[in-house]
Structures are given as C-alpha cells and as structure tokens.
Amino acid sequence: MYIGNFIDTVTSDIYNQKFFDSNFSGKGAKSINRILVGYGAFDGTIIVGTDIGIFWAKLDSSMEANWFYINDIQYPVYDLAIYGTNRLLAATGGGTYWTEDMVTWTRETSASMNFDSYSIGLS
C-alpha cells in the first residue's frame, strides 16, 4: 500500500516543508501501519502511523487538509491509541511515545517500556 494513493504528498510538502521541516519526500514512506480518528482531546483529528513516523491533520468538511509531520518521531510507528481521553500513545521502533497536544512528545522511559514497541494494549 503506497501512502501517495491516499495523501497528496507533493502538495503537503510544498505547503509544509518550510514551516514544519518535513522529511517526507526525502525518506519516501511506503506503508501505513495505523489510522486513528481522534476523540476526547484529539476530537476532529486524524492521525496516521507510517513506516517513517506520524502524520496528522484536522478533519475538515472539504477533502483537502494540511498534513503535519511529527519531526521528533522518525521511527516506524506500528500502533496508535488514545489512553483515557487526553493522552495519545504511539508504539514505535524507537520506543513508546506520548503526547497530550500533538506538539510535545515524550518517550516513555520506565523500565518496563524502555524498548521498541509494536503494539499497545490498554485495559
């Protein structure tokens, strides 16, 4: 599955490269591993985990959106989950990360989670 079939990568880079330092074109994502439609604090967003990181956009009534790349997480993202209503978790090839605002991402460093993660199970 090629991400370019679903996301206009050229236009995204043209409008986002200067301001958000997107490395999308340089690395060339080849797979989408997880798509999450946000709720709670992330209501109105769509978050996509790919083999090169996380892309997200605000849902809009039109089919066009500005996609943002999370430059801090340049690892394969295997799973995404919202814990409670205000914390987004990402299982990546570089460990488990979390955010409450899509801007500040923190790597979980507790002993039980301080390694690559491939799936998130919440109870």
PDB file of N, CA and C in Angstrom:
ATOM      1  N   MET A   1       0.842  -1.155   0.000  1.00  0.00           N
ATOM      2  CA  MET A   1       0.000   0.000   0.000  1.00  0.00           C
ATOM      3  C   MET A   1       0.903   1.239   0.000  1.00  0.00           C
ATOM      4  N   TYR A   2       0.723   2.112  -0.955  1.00  0.00           N
ATOM      5  CA  TYR A   2       1.527   3.325  -1.106  1.00  0.00           C
ATOM      6  C   TYR A   2       0.769   4.518  -0.535  1.00  0.00           C
ATOM      7  N   ILE A   3       1.414   5.286   0.371  1.00  0.00           N
ATOM      8  CA  ILE A   3       0.760   6.402   1.042  1.00  0.00           C
ATOM      9  C   ILE A   3       0.310   7.485   0.052  1.00  0.00           C
ATOM     10  N   GLY A   4       1.020   7.620  -1.085  1.00  0.00           N
ATOM     11  CA  GLY A   4       0.664   8.613  -2.092  1.00  0.00           C
ATOM     12  C   GLY A   4      -0.694   8.368  -2.742  1.00  0.00           C
ATOM     13  N   ASN A   5      -1.224   7.161  -2.606  1.00  0.00           N
ATOM     14  CA  ASN A   5      -2.565   6.878  -3.121  1.00  0.00           C
ATOM     15  C   ASN A   5      -3.636   7.528  -2.261  1.00  0.00           C
ATOM     16  N   PHE A   6      -3.289   7.899  -1.026  1.00  0.00           N
ATOM     17  CA  PHE A   6      -4.268   8.437  -0.104  1.00  0.00           C
ATOM     18  C   PHE A   6      -3.983   9.876   0.320  1.00  0.00           C
ATOM     19  N   ILE A   7      -2.730  10.279   0.240  1.00  0.00           N
ATOM     20  CA  ILE A   7      -2.320  11.611   0.680  1.00  0.00           C
ATOM     21  C   ILE A   7      -1.560  12.294  -0.449  1.00  0.00           C
ATOM     22  N   ASP A   8      -1.918  13.535  -0.742  1.00  0.00           N
ATOM     23  CA  ASP A   8      -1.229  14.312  -1.765  1.00  0.00           C
ATOM     24  C   ASP A   8       0.118  14.756  -1.195  1.00  0.00           C
ATOM     25  N   THR A   9       1.130  13.916  -1.357  1.00  0.00           N
ATOM     26  CA  THR A   9       2.427  14.156  -0.737  1.00  0.00           C
ATOM     27  C   THR A   9       3.151  15.370  -1.306  1.00  0.00           C
ATOM     28  N   VAL A  10       3.024  15.600  -2.595  1.00  0.00           N
ATOM     29  CA  VAL A  10       3.720  16.736  -3.210  1.00  0.00           C
ATOM     30  C   VAL A  10       3.175  18.048  -2.663  1.00  0.00           C
ATOM     31  N   THR A  11       1.859  18.205  -2.669  1.00  0.00           N
ATOM     32  CA  THR A  11       1.260  19.429  -2.158  1.00  0.00           C
ATOM     33  C   THR A  11       1.526  19.585  -0.664  1.00  0.00           C
ATOM     34  N   SER A  12       1.477  18.491   0.092  1.00  0.00           N
ATOM     35  CA  SER A  12       1.756  18.565   1.524  1.00  0.00           C
ATOM     36  C   SER A  12       3.153  19.104   1.772  1.00  0.00           C
ATOM     37  N   ASP A  13       4.132  18.605   1.032  1.00  0.00           N
ATOM     38  CA  ASP A  13       5.498  19.087   1.213  1.00  0.00           C
ATOM     39  C   ASP A  13       5.666  20.535   0.771  1.00  0.00           C
ATOM     40  N   ILE A  14       5.024  20.922  -0.318  1.00  0.00           N
ATOM     41  CA  ILE A  14       5.145  22.298  -0.809  1.00  0.00           C
ATOM     42  C   ILE A  14       4.686  23.276   0.254  1.00  0.00           C
ATOM     43  N   TYR A  15       3.548  22.986   0.897  1.00  0.00           N
ATOM     44  CA  TYR A  15       2.999  23.922   1.863  1.00  0.00           C
ATOM     45  C   TYR A  15       3.545  23.737   3.270  1.00  0.00           C
ATOM     46  N   ASN A  16       4.108  22.584   3.603  1.00  0.00           N
ATOM     47  CA  ASN A  16       4.541  22.328   4.970  1.00  0.00           C
ATOM     48  C   ASN A  16       6.052  22.298   5.148  1.00  0.00           C
ATOM     49  N   GLN A  17       6.805  22.062   4.116  1.00  0.00           N
ATOM     50  CA  GLN A  17       8.253  21.891   4.224  1.00  0.00           C
ATOM     51  C   GLN A  17       8.925  23.075   4.911  1.00  0.00           C
ATOM     52  N   LYS A  18       8.624  24.261   4.484  1.00  0.00           N
ATOM     53  CA  LYS A  18       9.305  25.445   5.005  1.00  0.00           C
ATOM     54  C   LYS A  18       9.044  25.643   6.497  1.00  0.00           C
ATOM     55  N   PHE A  19       7.816  25.416   6.920  1.00  0.00           N
ATOM     56  CA  PHE A  19       7.447  25.726   8.298  1.00  0.00           C
ATOM     57  C   PHE A  19       7.593  24.554   9.259  1.00  0.00           C
ATOM     58  N   PHE A  20       7.469  23.324   8.764  1.00  0.00           N
ATOM     59  CA  PHE A  20       7.430  22.172   9.666  1.00  0.00           C
ATOM     60  C   PHE A  20       8.568  21.192   9.448  1.00  0.00           C
ATOM     61  N   ASP A  21       9.525  21.529   8.605  1.00  0.00           N
ATOM     62  CA  ASP A  21      10.708  20.704   8.402  1.00  0.00           C
ATOM     63  C   ASP A  21      10.358  19.243   8.134  1.00  0.00           C
ATOM     64  N   SER A  22       9.438  19.024   7.203  1.00  0.00           N
ATOM     65  CA  SER A  22       9.003  17.676   6.868  1.00  0.00           C
ATOM     66  C   SER A  22      10.087  16.935   6.105  1.00  0.00           C
ATOM     67  N   ASN A  23      10.365  15.706   6.507  1.00  0.00           N
ATOM     68  CA  ASN A  23      11.316  14.860   5.798  1.00  0.00           C
ATOM     69  C   ASN A  23      10.615  13.818   4.949  1.00  0.00           C
ATOM     70  N   PHE A  24       9.332  14.019   4.677  1.00  0.00           N
ATOM     71  CA  PHE A  24       8.528  13.023   3.981  1.00  0.00           C
ATOM     72  C   PHE A  24       9.094  12.678   2.612  1.00  0.00           C
ATOM     73  N   SER A  25       9.360  13.674   1.780  1.00  0.00           N
ATOM     74  CA  SER A  25       9.849  13.408   0.427  1.00  0.00           C
ATOM     75  C   SER A  25      11.218  12.746   0.440  1.00  0.00           C
ATOM     76  N   GLY A  26      12.071  13.194   1.348  1.00  0.00           N
ATOM     77  CA  GLY A  26      13.412  12.646   1.400  1.00  0.00           C
ATOM     78  C   GLY A  26      13.461  11.187   1.784  1.00  0.00           C
ATOM     79  N   LYS A  27      12.546  10.734   2.595  1.00  0.00           N
ATOM     80  CA  LYS A  27      12.558   9.360   3.059  1.00  0.00           C
ATOM     81  C   LYS A  27      11.598   8.465   2.288  1.00  0.00           C
ATOM     82  N   GLY A  28      10.518   9.000   1.788  1.00  0.00           N
ATOM     83  CA  GLY A  28       9.579   8.230   0.988  1.00  0.00           C
ATOM     84  C   GLY A  28       8.867   7.127   1.751  1.00  0.00           C
ATOM     85  N   ALA A  29       7.828   7.478   2.496  1.00  0.00           N
ATOM     86  CA  ALA A  29       7.051   6.475   3.235  1.00  0.00           C
ATOM     87  C   ALA A  29       6.467   5.456   2.268  1.00  0.00           C
ATOM     88  N   LYS A  30       6.479   4.210   2.675  1.00  0.00           N
ATOM     89  CA  LYS A  30       5.984   3.151   1.815  1.00  0.00           C
ATOM     90  C   LYS A  30       4.774   2.420   2.380  1.00  0.00           C
ATOM     91  N   SER A  31       4.505   2.585   3.678  1.00  0.00           N
ATOM     92  CA  SER A  31       3.361   1.869   4.237  1.00  0.00           C
ATOM     93  C   SER A  31       2.669   2.670   5.330  1.00  0.00           C
ATOM     94  N   ILE A  32       1.369   2.462   5.417  1.00  0.00           N
ATOM     95  CA  ILE A  32       0.559   2.997   6.506  1.00  0.00           C
ATOM     96  C   ILE A  32       0.307   1.832   7.453  1.00  0.00           C
ATOM     97  N   ASN A  33       0.714   1.989   8.699  1.00  0.00           N
ATOM     98  CA  ASN A  33       0.561   0.916   9.668  1.00  0.00           C
ATOM     99  C   ASN A  33      -0.678   1.063  10.540  1.00  0.00           C
ATOM    100  N   ARG A  34      -1.129   2.297  10.775  1.00  0.00           N
ATOM    101  CA  ARG A  34      -2.289   2.520  11.631  1.00  0.00           C
ATOM    102  C   ARG A  34      -2.917   3.853  11.288  1.00  0.00           C
ATOM    103  N   ILE A  35      -4.249   3.886  11.258  1.00  0.00           N
ATOM    104  CA  ILE A  35      -5.006   5.126  11.087  1.00  0.00           C
ATOM    105  C   ILE A  35      -5.928   5.248  12.297  1.00  0.00           C
ATOM    106  N   LEU A  36      -5.890   6.399  12.954  1.00  0.00           N
ATOM    107  CA  LEU A  36      -6.704   6.623  14.148  1.00  0.00           C
ATOM    108  C   LEU A  36      -7.477   7.917  13.980  1.00  0.00           C
ATOM    109  N   VAL A  37      -8.791   7.858  14.163  1.00  0.00           N
ATOM    110  CA  VAL A  37      -9.628   9.058  14.179  1.00  0.00           C
ATOM    111  C   VAL A  37      -9.774   9.462  15.635  1.00  0.00           C
ATOM    112  N   GLY A  38      -9.355  10.678  15.941  1.00  0.00           N
ATOM    113  CA  GLY A  38      -9.281  11.128  17.319  1.00  0.00           C
ATOM    114  C   GLY A  38     -10.619  11.350  17.989  1.00  0.00           C
ATOM    115  N   TYR A  39     -10.595  11.279  19.314  1.00  0.00           N
ATOM    116  CA  TYR A  39     -11.744  11.613  20.153  1.00  0.00           C
ATOM    117  C   TYR A  39     -11.200  12.217  21.448  1.00  0.00           C
ATOM    118  N   GLY A  40     -12.094  12.731  22.285  1.00  0.00           N
ATOM    119  CA  GLY A  40     -11.649  13.398  23.514  1.00  0.00           C
ATOM    120  C   GLY A  40     -10.843  14.632  23.171  1.00  0.00           C
ATOM    121  N   ALA A  41      -9.657  14.751  23.741  1.00  0.00           N
ATOM    122  CA  ALA A  41      -8.801  15.909  23.479  1.00  0.00           C
ATOM    123  C   ALA A  41      -8.341  15.963  22.027  1.00  0.00           C
ATOM    124  N   PHE A  42      -8.442  14.844  21.308  1.00  0.00           N
ATOM    125  CA  PHE A  42      -7.988  14.768  19.919  1.00  0.00           C
ATOM    126  C   PHE A  42      -9.165  14.725  18.937  1.00  0.00           C
ATOM    127  N   ASP A  43     -10.343  15.123  19.411  1.00  0.00           N
ATOM    128  CA  ASP A  43     -11.537  15.129  18.574  1.00  0.00           C
ATOM    129  C   ASP A  43     -11.310  16.022  17.357  1.00  0.00           C
ATOM    130  N   GLY A  44     -11.722  15.548  16.206  1.00  0.00           N
ATOM    131  CA  GLY A  44     -11.578  16.335  14.987  1.00  0.00           C
ATOM    132  C   GLY A  44     -10.231  16.179  14.300  1.00  0.00           C
ATOM    133  N   THR A  45      -9.439  15.187  14.710  1.00  0.00           N
ATOM    134  CA  THR A  45      -8.148  14.950  14.064  1.00  0.00           C
ATOM    135  C   THR A  45      -8.090  13.531  13.513  1.00  0.00           C
ATOM    136  N   ILE A  46      -7.250  13.360  12.510  1.00  0.00           N
ATOM    137  CA  ILE A  46      -6.931  12.036  12.004  1.00  0.00           C
ATOM    138  C   ILE A  46      -5.418  11.882  12.128  1.00  0.00           C
ATOM    139  N   ILE A  47      -4.997  10.756  12.678  1.00  0.00           N
ATOM    140  CA  ILE A  47      -3.587  10.520  12.962  1.00  0.00           C
ATOM    141  C   ILE A  47      -3.176   9.247  12.227  1.00  0.00           C
ATOM    142  N   VAL A  48      -2.067   9.314  11.494  1.00  0.00           N
ATOM    143  CA  VAL A  48      -1.631   8.183  10.679  1.00  0.00           C
ATOM    144  C   VAL A  48      -0.213   7.782  11.072  1.00  0.00           C
ATOM    145  N   GLY A  49      -0.036   6.511  11.424  1.00  0.00           N
ATOM    146  CA  GLY A  49       1.279   5.969  11.725  1.00  0.00           C
ATOM    147  C   GLY A  49       1.835   5.282  10.491  1.00  0.00           C
ATOM    148  N   THR A  50       3.022   5.667  10.061  1.00  0.00           N
ATOM    149  CA  THR A  50       3.626   5.110   8.851  1.00  0.00           C
ATOM    150  C   THR A  50       4.989   4.506   9.176  1.00  0.00           C
ATOM    151  N   ASP A  51       5.639   4.015   8.139  1.00  0.00           N
ATOM    152  CA  ASP A  51       6.971   3.443   8.339  1.00  0.00           C
ATOM    153  C   ASP A  51       8.048   4.498   8.575  1.00  0.00           C
ATOM    154  N   ILE A  52       7.726   5.787   8.463  1.00  0.00           N
ATOM    155  CA  ILE A  52       8.702   6.843   8.741  1.00  0.00           C
ATOM    156  C   ILE A  52       8.251   7.791   9.842  1.00  0.00           C
ATOM    157  N   GLY A  53       7.115   7.543  10.475  1.00  0.00           N
ATOM    158  CA  GLY A  53       6.672   8.407  11.557  1.00  0.00           C
ATOM    159  C   GLY A  53       5.183   8.667  11.551  1.00  0.00           C
ATOM    160  N   ILE A  54       4.808   9.789  12.156  1.00  0.00           N
ATOM    161  CA  ILE A  54       3.395  10.147  12.338  1.00  0.00           C
ATOM    162  C   ILE A  54       3.051  11.382  11.510  1.00  0.00           C
ATOM    163  N   PHE A  55       1.920  11.290  10.817  1.00  0.00           N
ATOM    164  CA  PHE A  55       1.320  12.424  10.127  1.00  0.00           C
ATOM    165  C   PHE A  55      -0.051  12.645  10.759  1.00  0.00           C
ATOM    166  N   TRP A  56      -0.485  13.912  10.830  1.00  0.00           N
ATOM    167  CA  TRP A  56      -1.820  14.168  11.367  1.00  0.00           C
ATOM    168  C   TRP A  56      -2.415  15.394  10.700  1.00  0.00           C
ATOM    169  N   ALA A  57      -3.738  15.470  10.744  1.00  0.00           N
ATOM    170  CA  ALA A  57      -4.454  16.597  10.151  1.00  0.00           C
ATOM    171  C   ALA A  57      -5.745  16.827  10.918  1.00  0.00           C
ATOM    172  N   LYS A  58      -6.237  18.046  10.862  1.00  0.00           N
ATOM    173  CA  LYS A  58      -7.559  18.369  11.390  1.00  0.00           C
ATOM    174  C   LYS A  58      -8.586  17.953  10.346  1.00  0.00           C
ATOM    175  N   LEU A  59      -9.629  17.255  10.791  1.00  0.00           N
ATOM    176  CA  LEU A  59     -10.690  16.877   9.873  1.00  0.00           C
ATOM    177  C   LEU A  59     -11.456  18.131   9.472  1.00  0.00           C
ATOM    178  N   ASP A  60     -11.808  18.220   8.195  1.00  0.00           N
ATOM    179  CA  ASP A  60     -12.465  19.394   7.651  1.00  0.00           C
ATOM    180  C   ASP A  60     -13.607  18.931   6.779  1.00  0.00           C
ATOM    181  N   SER A  61     -14.555  19.805   6.516  1.00  0.00           N
ATOM    182  CA  SER A  61     -15.684  19.430   5.670  1.00  0.00           C
ATOM    183  C   SER A  61     -15.251  19.245   4.214  1.00  0.00           C
ATOM    184  N   SER A  62     -14.159  19.891   3.819  1.00  0.00           N
ATOM    185  CA  SER A  62     -13.639  19.669   2.473  1.00  0.00           C
ATOM    186  C   SER A  62     -12.699  18.469   2.524  1.00  0.00           C
ATOM    187  N   MET A  63     -12.343  17.936   1.401  1.00  0.00           N
ATOM    188  CA  MET A  63     -11.474  16.768   1.354  1.00  0.00           C
ATOM    189  C   MET A  63      -9.993  17.147   1.400  1.00  0.00           C
ATOM    190  N   GLU A  64      -9.702  18.441   1.414  1.00  0.00           N
ATOM    191  CA  GLU A  64      -8.315  18.877   1.455  1.00  0.00           C
ATOM    192  C   GLU A  64      -7.941  19.261   2.882  1.00  0.00           C
ATOM    193  N   ALA A  65      -6.745  18.912   3.288  1.00  0.00           N
ATOM    194  CA  ALA A  65      -6.279  19.240   4.634  1.00  0.00           C
ATOM    195  C   ALA A  65      -4.775  19.438   4.602  1.00  0.00           C
ATOM    196  N   ASN A  66      -4.274  20.170   5.562  1.00  0.00           N
ATOM    197  CA  ASN A  66      -2.835  20.296   5.729  1.00  0.00           C
ATOM    198  C   ASN A  66      -2.376  19.172   6.640  1.00  0.00           C
ATOM    199  N   TRP A  67      -1.493  18.349   6.145  1.00  0.00           N
ATOM    200  CA  TRP A  67      -0.951  17.251   6.932  1.00  0.00           C
ATOM    201  C   TRP A  67       0.336  17.715   7.588  1.00  0.00           C
ATOM    202  N   PHE A  68       0.482  17.402   8.864  1.00  0.00           N
ATOM    203  CA  PHE A  68       1.657  17.772   9.628  1.00  0.00           C
ATOM    204  C   PHE A  68       2.451  16.520   9.968  1.00  0.00           C
ATOM    205  N   TYR A  69       3.765  16.634   9.907  1.00  0.00           N
ATOM    206  CA  TYR A  69       4.663  15.526  10.221  1.00  0.00           C
ATOM    207  C   TYR A  69       5.288  15.781  11.589  1.00  0.00           C
ATOM    208  N   ILE A  70       5.298  14.775  12.444  1.00  0.00           N
ATOM    209  CA  ILE A  70       5.919  14.895  13.761  1.00  0.00           C
ATOM    210  C   ILE A  70       7.404  14.609  13.589  1.00  0.00           C
ATOM    211  N   ASN A  71       8.182  15.659  13.506  1.00  0.00           N
ATOM    212  CA  ASN A  71       9.607  15.538  13.215  1.00  0.00           C
ATOM    213  C   ASN A  71      10.391  14.866  14.344  1.00  0.00           C
ATOM    214  N   ASP A  72       9.849  14.882  15.567  1.00  0.00           N
ATOM    215  CA  ASP A  72      10.541  14.283  16.715  1.00  0.00           C
ATOM    216  C   ASP A  72      10.516  12.758  16.702  1.00  0.00           C
ATOM    217  N   ILE A  73       9.618  12.158  15.923  1.00  0.00           N
ATOM    218  CA  ILE A  73       9.483  10.695  15.919  1.00  0.00           C
ATOM    219  C   ILE A  73       9.742  10.196  14.496  1.00  0.00           C
ATOM    220  N   GLN A  74      10.988   9.951  14.174  1.00  0.00           N
ATOM    221  CA  GLN A  74      11.337   9.475  12.834  1.00  0.00           C
ATOM    222  C   GLN A  74      11.638   7.978  12.878  1.00  0.00           C
ATOM    223  N   TYR A  75      10.705   7.229  13.449  1.00  0.00           N
ATOM    224  CA  TYR A  75      10.783   5.771  13.548  1.00  0.00           C
ATOM    225  C   TYR A  75       9.539   5.184  12.924  1.00  0.00           C
ATOM    226  N   PRO A  76       9.564   3.913  12.558  1.00  0.00           N
ATOM    227  CA  PRO A  76       8.309   3.269  12.144  1.00  0.00           C
ATOM    228  C   PRO A  76       7.313   3.320  13.304  1.00  0.00           C
ATOM    229  N   VAL A  77       6.079   3.672  12.993  1.00  0.00           N
ATOM    230  CA  VAL A  77       5.017   3.715  14.008  1.00  0.00           C
ATOM    231  C   VAL A  77       4.083   2.552  13.721  1.00  0.00           C
ATOM    232  N   TYR A  78       3.997   1.627  14.680  1.00  0.00           N
ATOM    233  CA  TYR A  78       3.242   0.397  14.485  1.00  0.00           C
ATOM    234  C   TYR A  78       1.827   0.453  15.044  1.00  0.00           C
ATOM    235  N   ASP A  79       1.612   1.266  16.081  1.00  0.00           N
ATOM    236  CA  ASP A  79       0.289   1.313  16.698  1.00  0.00           C
ATOM    237  C   ASP A  79       0.072   2.681  17.312  1.00  0.00           C
ATOM    238  N   LEU A  80      -1.191   3.105  17.361  1.00  0.00           N
ATOM    239  CA  LEU A  80      -1.598   4.358  17.982  1.00  0.00           C
ATOM    240  C   LEU A  80      -2.816   4.077  18.853  1.00  0.00           C
ATOM    241  N   ALA A  81      -2.903   4.721  20.007  1.00  0.00           N
ATOM    242  CA  ALA A  81      -4.059   4.553  20.877  1.00  0.00           C
ATOM    243  C   ALA A  81      -4.218   5.790  21.742  1.00  0.00           C
ATOM    244  N   ILE A  82      -5.465   6.090  22.080  1.00  0.00           N
ATOM    245  CA  ILE A  82      -5.755   7.187  22.997  1.00  0.00           C
ATOM    246  C   ILE A  82      -6.053   6.566  24.351  1.00  0.00           C
ATOM    247  N   TYR A  83      -5.303   6.997  25.362  1.00  0.00           N
ATOM    248  CA  TYR A  83      -5.479   6.499  26.724  1.00  0.00           C
ATOM    249  C   TYR A  83      -6.334   7.502  27.483  1.00  0.00           C
ATOM    250  N   GLY A  84      -7.460   7.049  28.025  1.00  0.00           N
ATOM    251  CA  GLY A  84      -8.411   7.974  28.634  1.00  0.00           C
ATOM    252  C   GLY A  84      -9.017   8.808  27.531  1.00  0.00           C
ATOM    253  N   THR A  85      -8.976  10.105  27.686  1.00  0.00           N
ATOM    254  CA  THR A  85      -9.447  10.979  26.611  1.00  0.00           C
ATOM    255  C   THR A  85      -8.428  12.043  26.244  1.00  0.00           C
ATOM    256  N   ASN A  86      -7.276  12.057  26.957  1.00  0.00           N
ATOM    257  CA  ASN A  86      -6.371  13.181  26.738  1.00  0.00           C
ATOM    258  C   ASN A  86      -4.918  12.804  26.465  1.00  0.00           C
ATOM    259  N   ARG A  87      -4.598  11.513  26.307  1.00  0.00           N
ATOM    260  CA  ARG A  87      -3.206  11.142  26.050  1.00  0.00           C
ATOM    261  C   ARG A  87      -3.142  10.186  24.863  1.00  0.00           C
ATOM    262  N   LEU A  88      -2.375  10.583  23.845  1.00  0.00           N
ATOM    263  CA  LEU A  88      -2.157   9.749  22.665  1.00  0.00           C
ATOM    264  C   LEU A  88      -0.853   8.993  22.836  1.00  0.00           C
ATOM    265  N   LEU A  89      -0.896   7.678  22.639  1.00  0.00           N
ATOM    266  CA  LEU A  89       0.285   6.832  22.735  1.00  0.00           C
ATOM    267  C   LEU A  89       0.677   6.340  21.354  1.00  0.00           C
ATOM    268  N   ALA A  90       1.971   6.234  21.109  1.00  0.00           N
ATOM    269  CA  ALA A  90       2.476   5.723  19.834  1.00  0.00           C
ATOM    270  C   ALA A  90       3.510   4.641  20.102  1.00  0.00           C
ATOM    271  N   ALA A  91       3.278   3.448  19.573  1.00  0.00           N
ATOM    272  CA  ALA A  91       4.248   2.352  19.662  1.00  0.00           C
ATOM    273  C   ALA A  91       5.142   2.446  18.442  1.00  0.00           C
ATOM    274  N   THR A  92       6.453   2.644  18.668  1.00  0.00           N
ATOM    275  CA  THR A  92       7.372   2.884  17.551  1.00  0.00           C
ATOM    276  C   THR A  92       8.602   1.987  17.641  1.00  0.00           C
ATOM    277  N   GLY A  93       9.354   1.987  16.566  1.00  0.00           N
ATOM    278  CA  GLY A  93      10.625   1.286  16.540  1.00  0.00           C
ATOM    279  C   GLY A  93      11.666   1.928  17.426  1.00  0.00           C
ATOM    280  N   GLY A  94      11.374   3.081  18.002  1.00  0.00           N
ATOM    281  CA  GLY A  94      12.284   3.767  18.907  1.00  0.00           C
ATOM    282  C   GLY A  94      11.751   3.852  20.322  1.00  0.00           C
ATOM    283  N   GLY A  95      10.706   3.096  20.630  1.00  0.00           N
ATOM    284  CA  GLY A  95      10.112   3.105  21.963  1.00  0.00           C
ATOM    285  C   GLY A  95       8.685   3.613  21.929  1.00  0.00           C
ATOM    286  N   THR A  96       8.101   3.769  23.107  1.00  0.00           N
ATOM    287  CA  THR A  96       6.729   4.262  23.229  1.00  0.00           C
ATOM    288  C   THR A  96       6.761   5.749  23.553  1.00  0.00           C
ATOM    289  N   TYR A  97       6.015   6.522  22.786  1.00  0.00           N
ATOM    290  CA  TYR A  97       5.935   7.970  22.970  1.00  0.00           C
ATOM    291  C   TYR A  97       4.505   8.352  23.331  1.00  0.00           C
ATOM    292  N   TRP A  98       4.344   9.505  23.989  1.00  0.00           N
ATOM    293  CA  TRP A  98       3.012  10.009  24.307  1.00  0.00           C
ATOM    294  C   TRP A  98       2.967  11.534  24.186  1.00  0.00           C
ATOM    295  N   THR A  99       1.756  12.031  23.955  1.00  0.00           N
ATOM    296  CA  THR A  99       1.528  13.471  23.879  1.00  0.00           C
ATOM    297  C   THR A  99       0.128  13.783  24.385  1.00  0.00           C
ATOM    298  N   GLU A 100      -0.058  15.014  24.796  1.00  0.00           N
ATOM    299  CA  GLU A 100      -1.388  15.496  25.161  1.00  0.00           C
ATOM    300  C   GLU A 100      -1.838  16.625  24.248  1.00  0.00           C
ATOM    301  N   ASP A 101      -0.951  17.048  23.312  1.00  0.00           N
ATOM    302  CA  ASP A 101      -1.286  18.199  22.468  1.00  0.00           C
ATOM    303  C   ASP A 101      -0.764  18.118  21.028  1.00  0.00           C
ATOM    304  N   MET A 102      -0.176  17.009  20.605  1.00  0.00           N
ATOM    305  CA  MET A 102       0.390  16.795  19.270  1.00  0.00           C
ATOM    306  C   MET A 102       1.646  17.626  19.019  1.00  0.00           C
ATOM    307  N   VAL A 103       2.068  18.436  19.976  1.00  0.00           N
ATOM    308  CA  VAL A 103       3.252  19.275  19.801  1.00  0.00           C
ATOM    309  C   VAL A 103       4.428  18.712  20.602  1.00  0.00           C
ATOM    310  N   THR A 104       4.209  18.476  21.868  1.00  0.00           N
ATOM    311  CA  THR A 104       5.259  17.987  22.762  1.00  0.00           C
ATOM    312  C   THR A 104       5.123  16.472  22.920  1.00  0.00           C
ATOM    313  N   TRP A 105       6.139  15.736  22.465  1.00  0.00           N
ATOM    314  CA  TRP A 105       6.138  14.275  22.559  1.00  0.00           C
ATOM    315  C   TRP A 105       7.199  13.841  23.562  1.00  0.00           C
ATOM    316  N   THR A 106       6.851  12.866  24.396  1.00  0.00           N
ATOM    317  CA  THR A 106       7.749  12.378  25.431  1.00  0.00           C
ATOM    318  C   THR A 106       7.945  10.876  25.256  1.00  0.00           C
ATOM    319  N   ARG A 107       9.201  10.428  25.309  1.00  0.00           N
ATOM    320  CA  ARG A 107       9.492   8.995  25.237  1.00  0.00           C
ATOM    321  C   ARG A 107       9.311   8.406  26.616  1.00  0.00           C
ATOM    322  N   GLU A 108       8.535   7.335  26.716  1.00  0.00           N
ATOM    323  CA  GLU A 108       8.322   6.645  27.991  1.00  0.00           C
ATOM    324  C   GLU A 108       9.597   5.897  28.353  1.00  0.00           C
ATOM    325  N   THR A 109      10.145   6.185  29.526  1.00  0.00           N
ATOM    326  CA  THR A 109      11.436   5.601  29.905  1.00  0.00           C
ATOM    327  C   THR A 109      11.351   4.677  31.113  1.00  0.00           C
ATOM    328  N   SER A 110      10.142   4.317  31.542  1.00  0.00           N
ATOM    329  CA  SER A 110      10.055   3.380  32.666  1.00  0.00           C
ATOM    330  C   SER A 110      10.663   2.042  32.250  1.00  0.00           C
ATOM    331  N   ALA A 111      11.164   1.293  33.217  1.00  0.00           N
ATOM    332  CA  ALA A 111      11.909   0.062  32.932  1.00  0.00           C
ATOM    333  C   ALA A 111      11.113  -0.929  32.096  1.00  0.00           C
ATOM    334  N   SER A 112       9.818  -0.999  32.298  1.00  0.00           N
ATOM    335  CA  SER A 112       9.016  -1.980  31.568  1.00  0.00           C
ATOM    336  C   SER A 112       8.691  -1.556  30.138  1.00  0.00           C
ATOM    337  N   MET A 113       8.957  -0.289  29.783  1.00  0.00           N
ATOM    338  CA  MET A 113       8.601   0.204  28.448  1.00  0.00           C
ATOM    339  C   MET A 113       9.772   0.816  27.708  1.00  0.00           C
ATOM    340  N   ASN A 114      10.975   0.704  28.204  1.00  0.00           N
ATOM    341  CA  ASN A 114      12.125   1.367  27.626  1.00  0.00           C
ATOM    342  C   ASN A 114      12.776   0.511  26.522  1.00  0.00           C
ATOM    343  N   PHE A 115      11.988   0.154  25.512  1.00  0.00           N
ATOM    344  CA  PHE A 115      12.467  -0.644  24.391  1.00  0.00           C
ATOM    345  C   PHE A 115      11.503  -0.454  23.226  1.00  0.00           C
ATOM    346  N   ASP A 116      11.871  -0.935  22.041  1.00  0.00           N
ATOM    347  CA  ASP A 116      10.991  -0.832  20.878  1.00  0.00           C
ATOM    348  C   ASP A 116       9.646  -1.466  21.206  1.00  0.00           C
ATOM    349  N   SER A 117       8.573  -0.864  20.700  1.00  0.00           N
ATOM    350  CA  SER A 117       7.236  -1.425  20.946  1.00  0.00           C
ATOM    351  C   SER A 117       6.493  -1.542  19.625  1.00  0.00           C
ATOM    352  N   TYR A 118       5.678  -2.572  19.534  1.00  0.00           N
ATOM    353  CA  TYR A 118       4.988  -2.867  18.286  1.00  0.00           C
ATOM    354  C   TYR A 118       3.479  -2.859  18.404  1.00  0.00           C
ATOM    355  N   SER A 119       2.972  -2.870  19.629  1.00  0.00           N
ATOM    356  CA  SER A 119       1.530  -2.906  19.850  1.00  0.00           C
ATOM    357  C   SER A 119       1.220  -2.275  21.195  1.00  0.00           C
ATOM    358  N   ILE A 120       0.027  -1.681  21.282  1.00  0.00           N
ATOM    359  CA  ILE A 120      -0.415  -1.080  22.547  1.00  0.00           C
ATOM    360  C   ILE A 120      -1.690  -1.791  22.965  1.00  0.00           C
ATOM    361  N   GLY A 121      -1.710  -2.299  24.173  1.00  0.00           N
ATOM    362  CA  GLY A 121      -2.910  -2.913  24.734  1.00  0.00           C
ATOM    363  C   GLY A 121      -3.301  -2.152  25.976  1.00  0.00           C
ATOM    364  N   LEU A 122      -4.515  -1.608  25.990  1.00  0.00           N
ATOM    365  CA  LEU A 122      -4.988  -0.819  27.127  1.00  0.00           C
ATOM    366  C   LEU A 122      -6.153  -1.550  27.779  1.00  0.00           C
ATOM    367  N   SER A 123      -6.158  -1.558  29.087  1.00  0.00           N
ATOM    368  CA  SER A 123      -7.277  -2.204  29.769  1.00  0.00           C
ATOM    369  C   SER A 123      -8.000  -1.222  30.662  1.00  0.00           C
TER     370      SER A 123
END
